[in-house]
Amino acid sequence: IDRVDIHVEVPAVTYRHLTEKQEGASTETIRLQVAAARQIQQQRQGVLTNSELGRKQLDQWAPMDSEAKLVLEQAMSELGLSARAFDKIRRVSRTIADLEQTELITAHHVAEAVQYRLLDRIL
């Protein structure tokens, strides 16, 4: 399971929740956001997507502020994550920052990416 970048547990959805009017981003809005993030990646990295970045490329193209580094360090030690998870968290953090159109990876980008690794610890 540590070879999969994102793990999300999805609980069952109630009838009431399905029938209520939902507010949120439309599929078209999300599609445009993803397309913009992919364009940012292409301008920065050429043909490589974030998922294809190696450790040296992550060092170059996934700069983190000091708080983000601290969050990652704490997650690695407290959750006992693998070296593979370390790079995956950095890649996913880079993608989350790209979706927000920010160059520097911050603590909240890393915290969100770490949440996608928690299933590693449950299983």
PDB file of N, CA and C in Angstrom:
ATOM      1  N   ILE A   1       0.818  -1.202   0.000  1.00  0.00           N
ATOM      2  CA  ILE A   1       0.000   0.000   0.000  1.00  0.00           C
ATOM      3  C   ILE A   1       0.860   1.265   0.000  1.00  0.00           C
ATOM      4  N   ASP A   2       2.128   1.158   0.441  1.00  0.00           N
ATOM      5  CA  ASP A   2       2.973   2.350   0.469  1.00  0.00           C
ATOM      6  C   ASP A   2       3.409   2.779  -0.929  1.00  0.00           C
ATOM      7  N   ARG A   3       3.053   2.023  -1.954  1.00  0.00           N
ATOM      8  CA  ARG A   3       3.381   2.397  -3.328  1.00  0.00           C
ATOM      9  C   ARG A   3       2.295   3.267  -3.980  1.00  0.00           C
ATOM     10  N   VAL A   4       1.186   3.447  -3.289  1.00  0.00           N
ATOM     11  CA  VAL A   4       0.092   4.284  -3.780  1.00  0.00           C
ATOM     12  C   VAL A   4       0.247   5.666  -3.153  1.00  0.00           C
ATOM     13  N   ASP A   5       0.141   6.726  -3.958  1.00  0.00           N
ATOM     14  CA  ASP A   5       0.397   8.079  -3.464  1.00  0.00           C
ATOM     15  C   ASP A   5      -0.672   8.603  -2.515  1.00  0.00           C
ATOM     16  N   ILE A   6      -1.921   8.356  -2.821  1.00  0.00           N
ATOM     17  CA  ILE A   6      -3.015   8.936  -2.034  1.00  0.00           C
ATOM     18  C   ILE A   6      -3.954   7.832  -1.587  1.00  0.00           C
ATOM     19  N   HIS A   7      -4.223   7.806  -0.300  1.00  0.00           N
ATOM     20  CA  HIS A   7      -5.177   6.854   0.284  1.00  0.00           C
ATOM     21  C   HIS A   7      -6.299   7.659   0.914  1.00  0.00           C
ATOM     22  N   VAL A   8      -7.524   7.353   0.550  1.00  0.00           N
ATOM     23  CA  VAL A   8      -8.661   8.058   1.118  1.00  0.00           C
ATOM     24  C   VAL A   8      -9.718   7.038   1.494  1.00  0.00           C
ATOM     25  N   GLU A   9     -10.111   7.055   2.757  1.00  0.00           N
ATOM     26  CA  GLU A   9     -11.199   6.196   3.196  1.00  0.00           C
ATOM     27  C   GLU A   9     -12.498   6.974   3.020  1.00  0.00           C
ATOM     28  N   VAL A  10     -13.448   6.376   2.345  1.00  0.00           N
ATOM     29  CA  VAL A  10     -14.700   7.056   2.042  1.00  0.00           C
ATOM     30  C   VAL A  10     -15.837   6.341   2.762  1.00  0.00           C
ATOM     31  N   PRO A  11     -16.455   7.016   3.733  1.00  0.00           N
ATOM     32  CA  PRO A  11     -17.565   6.378   4.450  1.00  0.00           C
ATOM     33  C   PRO A  11     -18.821   6.304   3.580  1.00  0.00           C
ATOM     34  N   ALA A  12     -19.748   5.470   3.982  1.00  0.00           N
ATOM     35  CA  ALA A  12     -21.030   5.365   3.272  1.00  0.00           C
ATOM     36  C   ALA A  12     -21.763   6.703   3.349  1.00  0.00           C
ATOM     37  N   VAL A  13     -22.510   7.013   2.312  1.00  0.00           N
ATOM     38  CA  VAL A  13     -23.258   8.265   2.237  1.00  0.00           C
ATOM     39  C   VAL A  13     -24.725   7.976   2.546  1.00  0.00           C
ATOM     40  N   THR A  14     -25.304   8.797   3.407  1.00  0.00           N
ATOM     41  CA  THR A  14     -26.700   8.596   3.792  1.00  0.00           C
ATOM     42  C   THR A  14     -27.648   9.096   2.705  1.00  0.00           C
ATOM     43  N   TYR A  15     -28.852   8.573   2.710  1.00  0.00           N
ATOM     44  CA  TYR A  15     -29.888   9.017   1.780  1.00  0.00           C
ATOM     45  C   TYR A  15     -30.116  10.518   1.935  1.00  0.00           C
ATOM     46  N   ARG A  16     -30.195  10.976   3.162  1.00  0.00           N
ATOM     47  CA  ARG A  16     -30.455  12.397   3.425  1.00  0.00           C
ATOM     48  C   ARG A  16     -29.362  13.261   2.794  1.00  0.00           C
ATOM     49  N   HIS A  17     -28.138  12.847   2.962  1.00  0.00           N
ATOM     50  CA  HIS A  17     -27.035  13.615   2.399  1.00  0.00           C
ATOM     51  C   HIS A  17     -27.093  13.632   0.861  1.00  0.00           C
ATOM     52  N   LEU A  18     -27.483  12.519   0.281  1.00  0.00           N
ATOM     53  CA  LEU A  18     -27.575  12.439  -1.177  1.00  0.00           C
ATOM     54  C   LEU A  18     -28.691  13.300  -1.749  1.00  0.00           C
ATOM     55  N   THR A  19     -29.759  13.496  -0.977  1.00  0.00           N
ATOM     56  CA  THR A  19     -30.916  14.219  -1.492  1.00  0.00           C
ATOM     57  C   THR A  19     -30.913  15.700  -1.135  1.00  0.00           C
ATOM     58  N   GLU A  20     -30.005  16.133  -0.268  1.00  0.00           N
ATOM     59  CA  GLU A  20     -29.909  17.550   0.070  1.00  0.00           C
ATOM     60  C   GLU A  20     -29.202  18.304  -1.045  1.00  0.00           C
ATOM     61  N   LYS A  21     -29.581  19.559  -1.199  1.00  0.00           N
ATOM     62  CA  LYS A  21     -28.894  20.401  -2.181  1.00  0.00           C
ATOM     63  C   LYS A  21     -27.469  20.643  -1.685  1.00  0.00           C
ATOM     64  N   GLN A  22     -26.520  20.343  -2.533  1.00  0.00           N
ATOM     65  CA  GLN A  22     -25.112  20.465  -2.160  1.00  0.00           C
ATOM     66  C   GLN A  22     -24.511  21.727  -2.770  1.00  0.00           C
ATOM     67  N   GLU A  23     -23.691  22.385  -1.996  1.00  0.00           N
ATOM     68  CA  GLU A  23     -22.958  23.545  -2.485  1.00  0.00           C
ATOM     69  C   GLU A  23     -21.497  23.146  -2.577  1.00  0.00           C
ATOM     70  N   GLY A  24     -20.838  23.597  -3.583  1.00  0.00           N
ATOM     71  CA  GLY A  24     -19.431  23.280  -3.742  1.00  0.00           C
ATOM     72  C   GLY A  24     -18.998  23.571  -5.161  1.00  0.00           C
ATOM     73  N   ALA A  25     -17.754  23.285  -5.425  1.00  0.00           N
ATOM     74  CA  ALA A  25     -17.202  23.550  -6.747  1.00  0.00           C
ATOM     75  C   ALA A  25     -17.802  22.594  -7.772  1.00  0.00           C
ATOM     76  N   SER A  26     -18.071  23.126  -8.938  1.00  0.00           N
ATOM     77  CA  SER A  26     -18.599  22.305 -10.022  1.00  0.00           C
ATOM     78  C   SER A  26     -17.472  21.476 -10.638  1.00  0.00           C
ATOM     79  N   THR A  27     -17.856  20.462 -11.367  1.00  0.00           N
ATOM     80  CA  THR A  27     -16.874  19.636 -12.074  1.00  0.00           C
ATOM     81  C   THR A  27     -16.058  20.499 -13.030  1.00  0.00           C
ATOM     82  N   GLU A  28     -16.687  21.441 -13.675  1.00  0.00           N
ATOM     83  CA  GLU A  28     -15.981  22.319 -14.609  1.00  0.00           C
ATOM     84  C   GLU A  28     -14.956  23.183 -13.879  1.00  0.00           C
ATOM     85  N   THR A  29     -15.303  23.691 -12.722  1.00  0.00           N
ATOM     86  CA  THR A  29     -14.370  24.495 -11.932  1.00  0.00           C
ATOM     87  C   THR A  29     -13.152  23.669 -11.528  1.00  0.00           C
ATOM     88  N   ILE A  30     -13.392  22.454 -11.075  1.00  0.00           N
ATOM     89  CA  ILE A  30     -12.303  21.565 -10.680  1.00  0.00           C
ATOM     90  C   ILE A  30     -11.445  21.209 -11.895  1.00  0.00           C
ATOM     91  N   ARG A  31     -12.077  20.932 -13.028  1.00  0.00           N
ATOM     92  CA  ARG A  31     -11.336  20.615 -14.248  1.00  0.00           C
ATOM     93  C   ARG A  31     -10.404  21.754 -14.630  1.00  0.00           C
ATOM     94  N   LEU A  32     -10.879  22.978 -14.543  1.00  0.00           N
ATOM     95  CA  LEU A  32     -10.048  24.139 -14.877  1.00  0.00           C
ATOM     96  C   LEU A  32      -8.898  24.308 -13.885  1.00  0.00           C
ATOM     97  N   GLN A  33      -9.165  24.056 -12.622  1.00  0.00           N
ATOM     98  CA  GLN A  33      -8.134  24.143 -11.589  1.00  0.00           C
ATOM     99  C   GLN A  33      -7.033  23.102 -11.834  1.00  0.00           C
ATOM    100  N   VAL A  34      -7.426  21.890 -12.177  1.00  0.00           N
ATOM    101  CA  VAL A  34      -6.456  20.829 -12.461  1.00  0.00           C
ATOM    102  C   VAL A  34      -5.661  21.161 -13.724  1.00  0.00           C
ATOM    103  N   ALA A  35      -6.328  21.657 -14.745  1.00  0.00           N
ATOM    104  CA  ALA A  35      -5.633  22.030 -15.988  1.00  0.00           C
ATOM    105  C   ALA A  35      -4.602  23.130 -15.719  1.00  0.00           C
ATOM    106  N   ALA A  36      -4.945  24.097 -14.882  1.00  0.00           N
ATOM    107  CA  ALA A  36      -4.003  25.163 -14.538  1.00  0.00           C
ATOM    108  C   ALA A  36      -2.808  24.604 -13.774  1.00  0.00           C
ATOM    109  N   ALA A  37      -3.057  23.679 -12.860  1.00  0.00           N
ATOM    110  CA  ALA A  37      -1.963  23.057 -12.097  1.00  0.00           C
ATOM    111  C   ALA A  37      -1.048  22.264 -13.025  1.00  0.00           C
ATOM    112  N   ARG A  38      -1.619  21.552 -13.975  1.00  0.00           N
ATOM    113  CA  ARG A  38      -0.803  20.788 -14.930  1.00  0.00           C
ATOM    114  C   ARG A  38       0.041  21.724 -15.798  1.00  0.00           C
ATOM    115  N   GLN A  39      -0.517  22.864 -16.151  1.00  0.00           N
ATOM    116  CA  GLN A  39       0.239  23.837 -16.944  1.00  0.00           C
ATOM    117  C   GLN A  39       1.409  24.395 -16.126  1.00  0.00           C
ATOM    118  N   ILE A  40       1.190  24.647 -14.848  1.00  0.00           N
ATOM    119  CA  ILE A  40       2.263  25.112 -13.964  1.00  0.00           C
ATOM    120  C   ILE A  40       3.375  24.066 -13.919  1.00  0.00           C
ATOM    121  N   GLN A  41       2.989  22.803 -13.762  1.00  0.00           N
ATOM    122  CA  GLN A  41       3.981  21.719 -13.735  1.00  0.00           C
ATOM    123  C   GLN A  41       4.774  21.676 -15.035  1.00  0.00           C
ATOM    124  N   GLN A  42       4.084  21.779 -16.151  1.00  0.00           N
ATOM    125  CA  GLN A  42       4.748  21.701 -17.453  1.00  0.00           C
ATOM    126  C   GLN A  42       5.724  22.856 -17.643  1.00  0.00           C
ATOM    127  N   GLN A  43       5.341  24.056 -17.228  1.00  0.00           N
ATOM    128  CA  GLN A  43       6.241  25.199 -17.350  1.00  0.00           C
ATOM    129  C   GLN A  43       7.473  25.030 -16.466  1.00  0.00           C
ATOM    130  N   ARG A  44       7.286  24.459 -15.292  1.00  0.00           N
ATOM    131  CA  ARG A  44       8.385  24.298 -14.346  1.00  0.00           C
ATOM    132  C   ARG A  44       9.266  23.098 -14.694  1.00  0.00           C
ATOM    133  N   GLN A  45       8.652  21.988 -15.101  1.00  0.00           N
ATOM    134  CA  GLN A  45       9.354  20.709 -15.180  1.00  0.00           C
ATOM    135  C   GLN A  45       9.422  20.105 -16.570  1.00  0.00           C
ATOM    136  N   GLY A  46       8.849  20.750 -17.549  1.00  0.00           N
ATOM    137  CA  GLY A  46       8.801  20.162 -18.886  1.00  0.00           C
ATOM    138  C   GLY A  46       7.789  19.031 -18.926  1.00  0.00           C
ATOM    139  N   VAL A  47       8.204  17.872 -19.420  1.00  0.00           N
ATOM    140  CA  VAL A  47       7.270  16.758 -19.602  1.00  0.00           C
ATOM    141  C   VAL A  47       6.996  15.979 -18.321  1.00  0.00           C
ATOM    142  N   LEU A  48       7.787  16.184 -17.288  1.00  0.00           N
ATOM    143  CA  LEU A  48       7.603  15.428 -16.047  1.00  0.00           C
ATOM    144  C   LEU A  48       6.441  15.965 -15.219  1.00  0.00           C
ATOM    145  N   THR A  49       5.584  15.058 -14.808  1.00  0.00           N
ATOM    146  CA  THR A  49       4.541  15.442 -13.853  1.00  0.00           C
ATOM    147  C   THR A  49       5.114  15.322 -12.442  1.00  0.00           C
ATOM    148  N   ASN A  50       4.414  15.869 -11.470  1.00  0.00           N
ATOM    149  CA  ASN A  50       4.888  15.785 -10.089  1.00  0.00           C
ATOM    150  C   ASN A  50       5.081  14.337  -9.653  1.00  0.00           C
ATOM    151  N   SER A  51       4.228  13.452 -10.119  1.00  0.00           N
ATOM    152  CA  SER A  51       4.315  12.048  -9.704  1.00  0.00           C
ATOM    153  C   SER A  51       5.585  11.368 -10.229  1.00  0.00           C
ATOM    154  N   GLU A  52       6.229  11.963 -11.220  1.00  0.00           N
ATOM    155  CA  GLU A  52       7.426  11.383 -11.818  1.00  0.00           C
ATOM    156  C   GLU A  52       8.732  11.972 -11.267  1.00  0.00           C
ATOM    157  N   LEU A  53       8.633  12.926 -10.358  1.00  0.00           N
ATOM    158  CA  LEU A  53       9.824  13.590  -9.861  1.00  0.00           C
ATOM    159  C   LEU A  53      10.611  12.696  -8.924  1.00  0.00           C
ATOM    160  N   GLY A  54      11.933  12.667  -9.123  1.00  0.00           N
ATOM    161  CA  GLY A  54      12.827  11.958  -8.225  1.00  0.00           C
ATOM    162  C   GLY A  54      13.240  12.865  -7.079  1.00  0.00           C
ATOM    163  N   ARG A  55      14.042  12.329  -6.179  1.00  0.00           N
ATOM    164  CA  ARG A  55      14.436  13.073  -4.982  1.00  0.00           C
ATOM    165  C   ARG A  55      15.167  14.371  -5.312  1.00  0.00           C
ATOM    166  N   LYS A  56      16.118  14.348  -6.249  1.00  0.00           N
ATOM    167  CA  LYS A  56      16.864  15.560  -6.602  1.00  0.00           C
ATOM    168  C   LYS A  56      15.942  16.602  -7.242  1.00  0.00           C
ATOM    169  N   GLN A  57      15.024  16.120  -8.071  1.00  0.00           N
ATOM    170  CA  GLN A  57      14.079  17.047  -8.702  1.00  0.00           C
ATOM    171  C   GLN A  57      13.127  17.633  -7.668  1.00  0.00           C
ATOM    172  N   LEU A  58      12.715  16.836  -6.693  1.00  0.00           N
ATOM    173  CA  LEU A  58      11.886  17.359  -5.617  1.00  0.00           C
ATOM    174  C   LEU A  58      12.637  18.428  -4.828  1.00  0.00           C
ATOM    175  N   ASP A  59      13.925  18.184  -4.571  1.00  0.00           N
ATOM    176  CA  ASP A  59      14.737  19.186  -3.881  1.00  0.00           C
ATOM    177  C   ASP A  59      14.741  20.503  -4.652  1.00  0.00           C
ATOM    178  N   GLN A  60      14.775  20.411  -5.976  1.00  0.00           N
ATOM    179  CA  GLN A  60      14.829  21.600  -6.821  1.00  0.00           C
ATOM    180  C   GLN A  60      13.464  22.265  -6.976  1.00  0.00           C
ATOM    181  N   TRP A  61      12.425  21.478  -7.233  1.00  0.00           N
ATOM    182  CA  TRP A  61      11.139  22.035  -7.635  1.00  0.00           C
ATOM    183  C   TRP A  61      10.053  21.986  -6.568  1.00  0.00           C
ATOM    184  N   ALA A  62      10.373  21.480  -5.408  1.00  0.00           N
ATOM    185  CA  ALA A  62       9.372  21.412  -4.340  1.00  0.00           C
ATOM    186  C   ALA A  62       9.913  22.058  -3.063  1.00  0.00           C
ATOM    187  N   PRO A  63      10.259  23.355  -3.150  1.00  0.00           N
ATOM    188  CA  PRO A  63      10.796  24.027  -1.969  1.00  0.00           C
ATOM    189  C   PRO A  63       9.723  24.170  -0.879  1.00  0.00           C
ATOM    190  N   MET A  64      10.143  23.913   0.372  1.00  0.00           N
ATOM    191  CA  MET A  64       9.229  24.001   1.516  1.00  0.00           C
ATOM    192  C   MET A  64       9.702  25.101   2.458  1.00  0.00           C
ATOM    193  N   ASP A  65       8.746  25.802   3.056  1.00  0.00           N
ATOM    194  CA  ASP A  65       9.138  26.749   4.089  1.00  0.00           C
ATOM    195  C   ASP A  65       9.490  25.977   5.361  1.00  0.00           C
ATOM    196  N   SER A  66      10.025  26.653   6.340  1.00  0.00           N
ATOM    197  CA  SER A  66      10.532  25.976   7.541  1.00  0.00           C
ATOM    198  C   SER A  66       9.422  25.263   8.311  1.00  0.00           C
ATOM    199  N   GLU A  67       8.233  25.837   8.355  1.00  0.00           N
ATOM    200  CA  GLU A  67       7.120  25.185   9.048  1.00  0.00           C
ATOM    201  C   GLU A  67       6.699  23.906   8.333  1.00  0.00           C
ATOM    202  N   ALA A  68       6.720  23.920   7.021  1.00  0.00           N
ATOM    203  CA  ALA A  68       6.373  22.720   6.246  1.00  0.00           C
ATOM    204  C   ALA A  68       7.375  21.608   6.522  1.00  0.00           C
ATOM    205  N   LYS A  69       8.654  21.962   6.580  1.00  0.00           N
ATOM    206  CA  LYS A  69       9.685  20.970   6.884  1.00  0.00           C
ATOM    207  C   LYS A  69       9.483  20.385   8.275  1.00  0.00           C
ATOM    208  N   LEU A  70       9.089  21.216   9.221  1.00  0.00           N
ATOM    209  CA  LEU A  70       8.844  20.745  10.579  1.00  0.00           C
ATOM    210  C   LEU A  70       7.657  19.784  10.619  1.00  0.00           C
ATOM    211  N   VAL A  71       6.577  20.108   9.915  1.00  0.00           N
ATOM    212  CA  VAL A  71       5.412  19.228   9.859  1.00  0.00           C
ATOM    213  C   VAL A  71       5.803  17.881   9.254  1.00  0.00           C
ATOM    214  N   LEU A  72       6.590  17.910   8.194  1.00  0.00           N
ATOM    215  CA  LEU A  72       7.021  16.670   7.554  1.00  0.00           C
ATOM    216  C   LEU A  72       7.914  15.852   8.492  1.00  0.00           C
ATOM    217  N   GLU A  73       8.826  16.521   9.162  1.00  0.00           N
ATOM    218  CA  GLU A  73       9.707  15.829  10.110  1.00  0.00           C
ATOM    219  C   GLU A  73       8.899  15.169  11.233  1.00  0.00           C
ATOM    220  N   GLN A  74       7.935  15.891  11.780  1.00  0.00           N
ATOM    221  CA  GLN A  74       7.102  15.345  12.847  1.00  0.00           C
ATOM    222  C   GLN A  74       6.277  14.155  12.357  1.00  0.00           C
ATOM    223  N   ALA A  75       5.720  14.274  11.162  1.00  0.00           N
ATOM    224  CA  ALA A  75       4.918  13.182  10.610  1.00  0.00           C
ATOM    225  C   ALA A  75       5.763  11.937  10.407  1.00  0.00           C
ATOM    226  N   MET A  76       6.961  12.128   9.887  1.00  0.00           N
ATOM    227  CA  MET A  76       7.837  10.987   9.649  1.00  0.00           C
ATOM    228  C   MET A  76       8.178  10.278  10.953  1.00  0.00           C
ATOM    229  N   SER A  77       8.512  11.041  11.988  1.00  0.00           N
ATOM    230  CA  SER A  77       8.930  10.407  13.245  1.00  0.00           C
ATOM    231  C   SER A  77       7.747   9.871  14.046  1.00  0.00           C
ATOM    232  N   GLU A  78       6.661  10.626  14.118  1.00  0.00           N
ATOM    233  CA  GLU A  78       5.519  10.204  14.935  1.00  0.00           C
ATOM    234  C   GLU A  78       4.721   9.073  14.293  1.00  0.00           C
ATOM    235  N   LEU A  79       4.645   9.063  12.977  1.00  0.00           N
ATOM    236  CA  LEU A  79       3.865   8.036  12.283  1.00  0.00           C
ATOM    237  C   LEU A  79       4.731   6.875  11.800  1.00  0.00           C
ATOM    238  N   GLY A  80       6.041   7.036  11.906  1.00  0.00           N
ATOM    239  CA  GLY A  80       6.936   5.971  11.467  1.00  0.00           C
ATOM    240  C   GLY A  80       6.827   5.689   9.984  1.00  0.00           C
ATOM    241  N   LEU A  81       6.720   6.743   9.184  1.00  0.00           N
ATOM    242  CA  LEU A  81       6.550   6.571   7.741  1.00  0.00           C
ATOM    243  C   LEU A  81       7.863   6.175   7.075  1.00  0.00           C
ATOM    244  N   SER A  82       7.756   5.529   5.933  1.00  0.00           N
ATOM    245  CA  SER A  82       8.915   5.023   5.193  1.00  0.00           C
ATOM    246  C   SER A  82       9.563   6.126   4.360  1.00  0.00           C
ATOM    247  N   ALA A  83      10.752   5.825   3.850  1.00  0.00           N
ATOM    248  CA  ALA A  83      11.439   6.742   2.933  1.00  0.00           C
ATOM    249  C   ALA A  83      10.593   6.946   1.675  1.00  0.00           C
ATOM    250  N   ARG A  84       9.919   5.891   1.246  1.00  0.00           N
ATOM    251  CA  ARG A  84       9.029   6.009   0.076  1.00  0.00           C
ATOM    252  C   ARG A  84       7.905   7.008   0.378  1.00  0.00           C
ATOM    253  N   ALA A  85       7.340   6.934   1.583  1.00  0.00           N
ATOM    254  CA  ALA A  85       6.272   7.853   1.976  1.00  0.00           C
ATOM    255  C   ALA A  85       6.786   9.293   2.025  1.00  0.00           C
ATOM    256  N   PHE A  86       8.039   9.480   2.447  1.00  0.00           N
ATOM    257  CA  PHE A  86       8.649  10.811   2.498  1.00  0.00           C
ATOM    258  C   PHE A  86       8.584  11.489   1.136  1.00  0.00           C
ATOM    259  N   ASP A  87       9.017  10.796   0.099  1.00  0.00           N
ATOM    260  CA  ASP A  87       8.977  11.380  -1.243  1.00  0.00           C
ATOM    261  C   ASP A  87       7.549  11.534  -1.749  1.00  0.00           C
ATOM    262  N   LYS A  88       6.687  10.588  -1.446  1.00  0.00           N
ATOM    263  CA  LYS A  88       5.296  10.692  -1.895  1.00  0.00           C
ATOM    264  C   LYS A  88       4.606  11.898  -1.265  1.00  0.00           C
ATOM    265  N   ILE A  89       4.871  12.134   0.010  1.00  0.00           N
ATOM    266  CA  ILE A  89       4.296  13.306   0.679  1.00  0.00           C
ATOM    267  C   ILE A  89       4.809  14.579   0.017  1.00  0.00           C
ATOM    268  N   ARG A  90       6.073  14.615  -0.325  1.00  0.00           N
ATOM    269  CA  ARG A  90       6.627  15.794  -1.000  1.00  0.00           C
ATOM    270  C   ARG A  90       5.980  15.997  -2.369  1.00  0.00           C
ATOM    271  N   ARG A  91       5.771  14.915  -3.118  1.00  0.00           N
ATOM    272  CA  ARG A  91       5.132  15.031  -4.444  1.00  0.00           C
ATOM    273  C   ARG A  91       3.699  15.523  -4.315  1.00  0.00           C
ATOM    274  N   VAL A  92       2.958  14.931  -3.402  1.00  0.00           N
ATOM    275  CA  VAL A  92       1.556  15.326  -3.230  1.00  0.00           C
ATOM    276  C   VAL A  92       1.471  16.757  -2.708  1.00  0.00           C
ATOM    277  N   SER A  93       2.371  17.141  -1.810  1.00  0.00           N
ATOM    278  CA  SER A  93       2.415  18.529  -1.325  1.00  0.00           C
ATOM    279  C   SER A  93       2.659  19.495  -2.474  1.00  0.00           C
ATOM    280  N   ARG A  94       3.561  19.116  -3.387  1.00  0.00           N
ATOM    281  CA  ARG A  94       3.857  19.945  -4.557  1.00  0.00           C
ATOM    282  C   ARG A  94       2.588  20.117  -5.403  1.00  0.00           C
ATOM    283  N   THR A  95       1.840  19.035  -5.567  1.00  0.00           N
ATOM    284  CA  THR A  95       0.612  19.096  -6.366  1.00  0.00           C
ATOM    285  C   THR A  95      -0.446  19.957  -5.687  1.00  0.00           C
ATOM    286  N   ILE A  96      -0.597  19.813  -4.380  1.00  0.00           N
ATOM    287  CA  ILE A  96      -1.565  20.630  -3.642  1.00  0.00           C
ATOM    288  C   ILE A  96      -1.208  22.111  -3.785  1.00  0.00           C
ATOM    289  N   ALA A  97       0.071  22.438  -3.658  1.00  0.00           N
ATOM    290  CA  ALA A  97       0.503  23.828  -3.837  1.00  0.00           C
ATOM    291  C   ALA A  97       0.236  24.300  -5.271  1.00  0.00           C
ATOM    292  N   ASP A  98       0.471  23.424  -6.247  1.00  0.00           N
ATOM    293  CA  ASP A  98       0.178  23.793  -7.642  1.00  0.00           C
ATOM    294  C   ASP A  98      -1.307  24.067  -7.844  1.00  0.00           C
ATOM    295  N   LEU A  99      -2.154  23.271  -7.215  1.00  0.00           N
ATOM    296  CA  LEU A  99      -3.602  23.505  -7.330  1.00  0.00           C
ATOM    297  C   LEU A  99      -3.990  24.862  -6.754  1.00  0.00           C
ATOM    298  N   GLU A 100      -3.232  25.314  -5.751  1.00  0.00           N
ATOM    299  CA  GLU A 100      -3.463  26.639  -5.165  1.00  0.00           C
ATOM    300  C   GLU A 100      -2.655  27.725  -5.868  1.00  0.00           C
ATOM    301  N   GLN A 101      -1.884  27.307  -6.871  1.00  0.00           N
ATOM    302  CA  GLN A 101      -1.041  28.202  -7.664  1.00  0.00           C
ATOM    303  C   GLN A 101      -0.038  28.954  -6.794  1.00  0.00           C
ATOM    304  N   THR A 102       0.601  28.215  -5.870  1.00  0.00           N
ATOM    305  CA  THR A 102       1.655  28.787  -5.039  1.00  0.00           C
ATOM    306  C   THR A 102       2.945  28.008  -5.270  1.00  0.00           C
ATOM    307  N   GLU A 103       4.051  28.732  -5.337  1.00  0.00           N
ATOM    308  CA  GLU A 103       5.343  28.101  -5.609  1.00  0.00           C
ATOM    309  C   GLU A 103       5.914  27.425  -4.371  1.00  0.00           C
ATOM    310  N   LEU A 104       5.823  28.088  -3.238  1.00  0.00           N
ATOM    311  CA  LEU A 104       6.408  27.562  -2.008  1.00  0.00           C
ATOM    312  C   LEU A 104       5.422  26.632  -1.304  1.00  0.00           C
ATOM    313  N   ILE A 105       5.888  25.475  -0.912  1.00  0.00           N
ATOM    314  CA  ILE A 105       5.056  24.522  -0.171  1.00  0.00           C
ATOM    315  C   ILE A 105       5.038  24.942   1.288  1.00  0.00           C
ATOM    316  N   THR A 106       3.845  25.060   1.853  1.00  0.00           N
ATOM    317  CA  THR A 106       3.692  25.502   3.230  1.00  0.00           C
ATOM    318  C   THR A 106       3.208  24.349   4.113  1.00  0.00           C
ATOM    319  N   ALA A 107       3.109  24.623   5.391  1.00  0.00           N
ATOM    320  CA  ALA A 107       2.725  23.599   6.367  1.00  0.00           C
ATOM    321  C   ALA A 107       1.363  22.989   6.043  1.00  0.00           C
ATOM    322  N   HIS A 108       0.411  23.791   5.609  1.00  0.00           N
ATOM    323  CA  HIS A 108      -0.918  23.208   5.353  1.00  0.00           C
ATOM    324  C   HIS A 108      -0.912  22.298   4.130  1.00  0.00           C
ATOM    325  N   HIS A 109      -0.035  22.545   3.157  1.00  0.00           N
ATOM    326  CA  HIS A 109       0.098  21.634   2.015  1.00  0.00           C
ATOM    327  C   HIS A 109       0.628  20.283   2.486  1.00  0.00           C
ATOM    328  N   VAL A 110       1.646  20.317   3.340  1.00  0.00           N
ATOM    329  CA  VAL A 110       2.238  19.084   3.858  1.00  0.00           C
ATOM    330  C   VAL A 110       1.245  18.357   4.761  1.00  0.00           C
ATOM    331  N   ALA A 111       0.556  19.095   5.613  1.00  0.00           N
ATOM    332  CA  ALA A 111      -0.414  18.464   6.516  1.00  0.00           C
ATOM    333  C   ALA A 111      -1.504  17.740   5.733  1.00  0.00           C
ATOM    334  N   GLU A 112      -1.983  18.350   4.660  1.00  0.00           N
ATOM    335  CA  GLU A 112      -2.995  17.692   3.835  1.00  0.00           C
ATOM    336  C   GLU A 112      -2.419  16.432   3.183  1.00  0.00           C
ATOM    337  N   ALA A 113      -1.207  16.533   2.655  1.00  0.00           N
ATOM    338  CA  ALA A 113      -0.572  15.373   2.017  1.00  0.00           C
ATOM    339  C   ALA A 113      -0.355  14.243   3.023  1.00  0.00           C
ATOM    340  N   VAL A 114       0.020  14.586   4.244  1.00  0.00           N
ATOM    341  CA  VAL A 114       0.220  13.570   5.284  1.00  0.00           C
ATOM    342  C   VAL A 114      -1.092  12.843   5.564  1.00  0.00           C
ATOM    343  N   GLN A 115      -2.189  13.562   5.565  1.00  0.00           N
ATOM    344  CA  GLN A 115      -3.492  12.928   5.804  1.00  0.00           C
ATOM    345  C   GLN A 115      -3.773  11.838   4.778  1.00  0.00           C
ATOM    346  N   TYR A 116      -3.285  12.012   3.564  1.00  0.00           N
ATOM    347  CA  TYR A 116      -3.496  11.015   2.522  1.00  0.00           C
ATOM    348  C   TYR A 116      -2.613   9.786   2.700  1.00  0.00           C
ATOM    349  N   ARG A 117      -1.701   9.816   3.676  1.00  0.00           N
ATOM    350  CA  ARG A 117      -0.840   8.671   3.975  1.00  0.00           C
ATOM    351  C   ARG A 117      -1.290   7.925   5.227  1.00  0.00           C
ATOM    352  N   LEU A 118      -2.258   8.435   5.942  1.00  0.00           N
ATOM    353  CA  LEU A 118      -2.622   7.852   7.229  1.00  0.00           C
ATOM    354  C   LEU A 118      -3.139   6.420   7.119  1.00  0.00           C
ATOM    355  N   LEU A 119      -3.691   6.053   5.977  1.00  0.00           N
ATOM    356  CA  LEU A 119      -4.164   4.685   5.810  1.00  0.00           C
ATOM    357  C   LEU A 119      -3.001   3.699   5.917  1.00  0.00           C
ATOM    358  N   ASP A 120      -1.776   4.169   5.614  1.00  0.00           N
ATOM    359  CA  ASP A 120      -0.582   3.338   5.816  1.00  0.00           C
ATOM    360  C   ASP A 120      -0.509   2.861   7.252  1.00  0.00           C
ATOM    361  N   ARG A 121      -0.875   3.711   8.185  1.00  0.00           N
ATOM    362  CA  ARG A 121      -0.746   3.414   9.608  1.00  0.00           C
ATOM    363  C   ARG A 121      -1.925   2.587  10.130  1.00  0.00           C
ATOM    364  N   ILE A 122      -3.070   2.684   9.466  1.00  0.00           N
ATOM    365  CA  ILE A 122      -4.262   1.951   9.912  1.00  0.00           C
ATOM    366  C   ILE A 122      -4.174   0.481   9.558  1.00  0.00           C
ATOM    367  N   LEU A 123      -3.648   0.183   8.363  1.00  0.00           N
ATOM    368  CA  LEU A 123      -3.599  -1.198   7.895  1.00  0.00           C
ATOM    369  C   LEU A 123      -2.433  -1.967   8.415  1.00  0.00           C
TER     370      LEU A 123
END
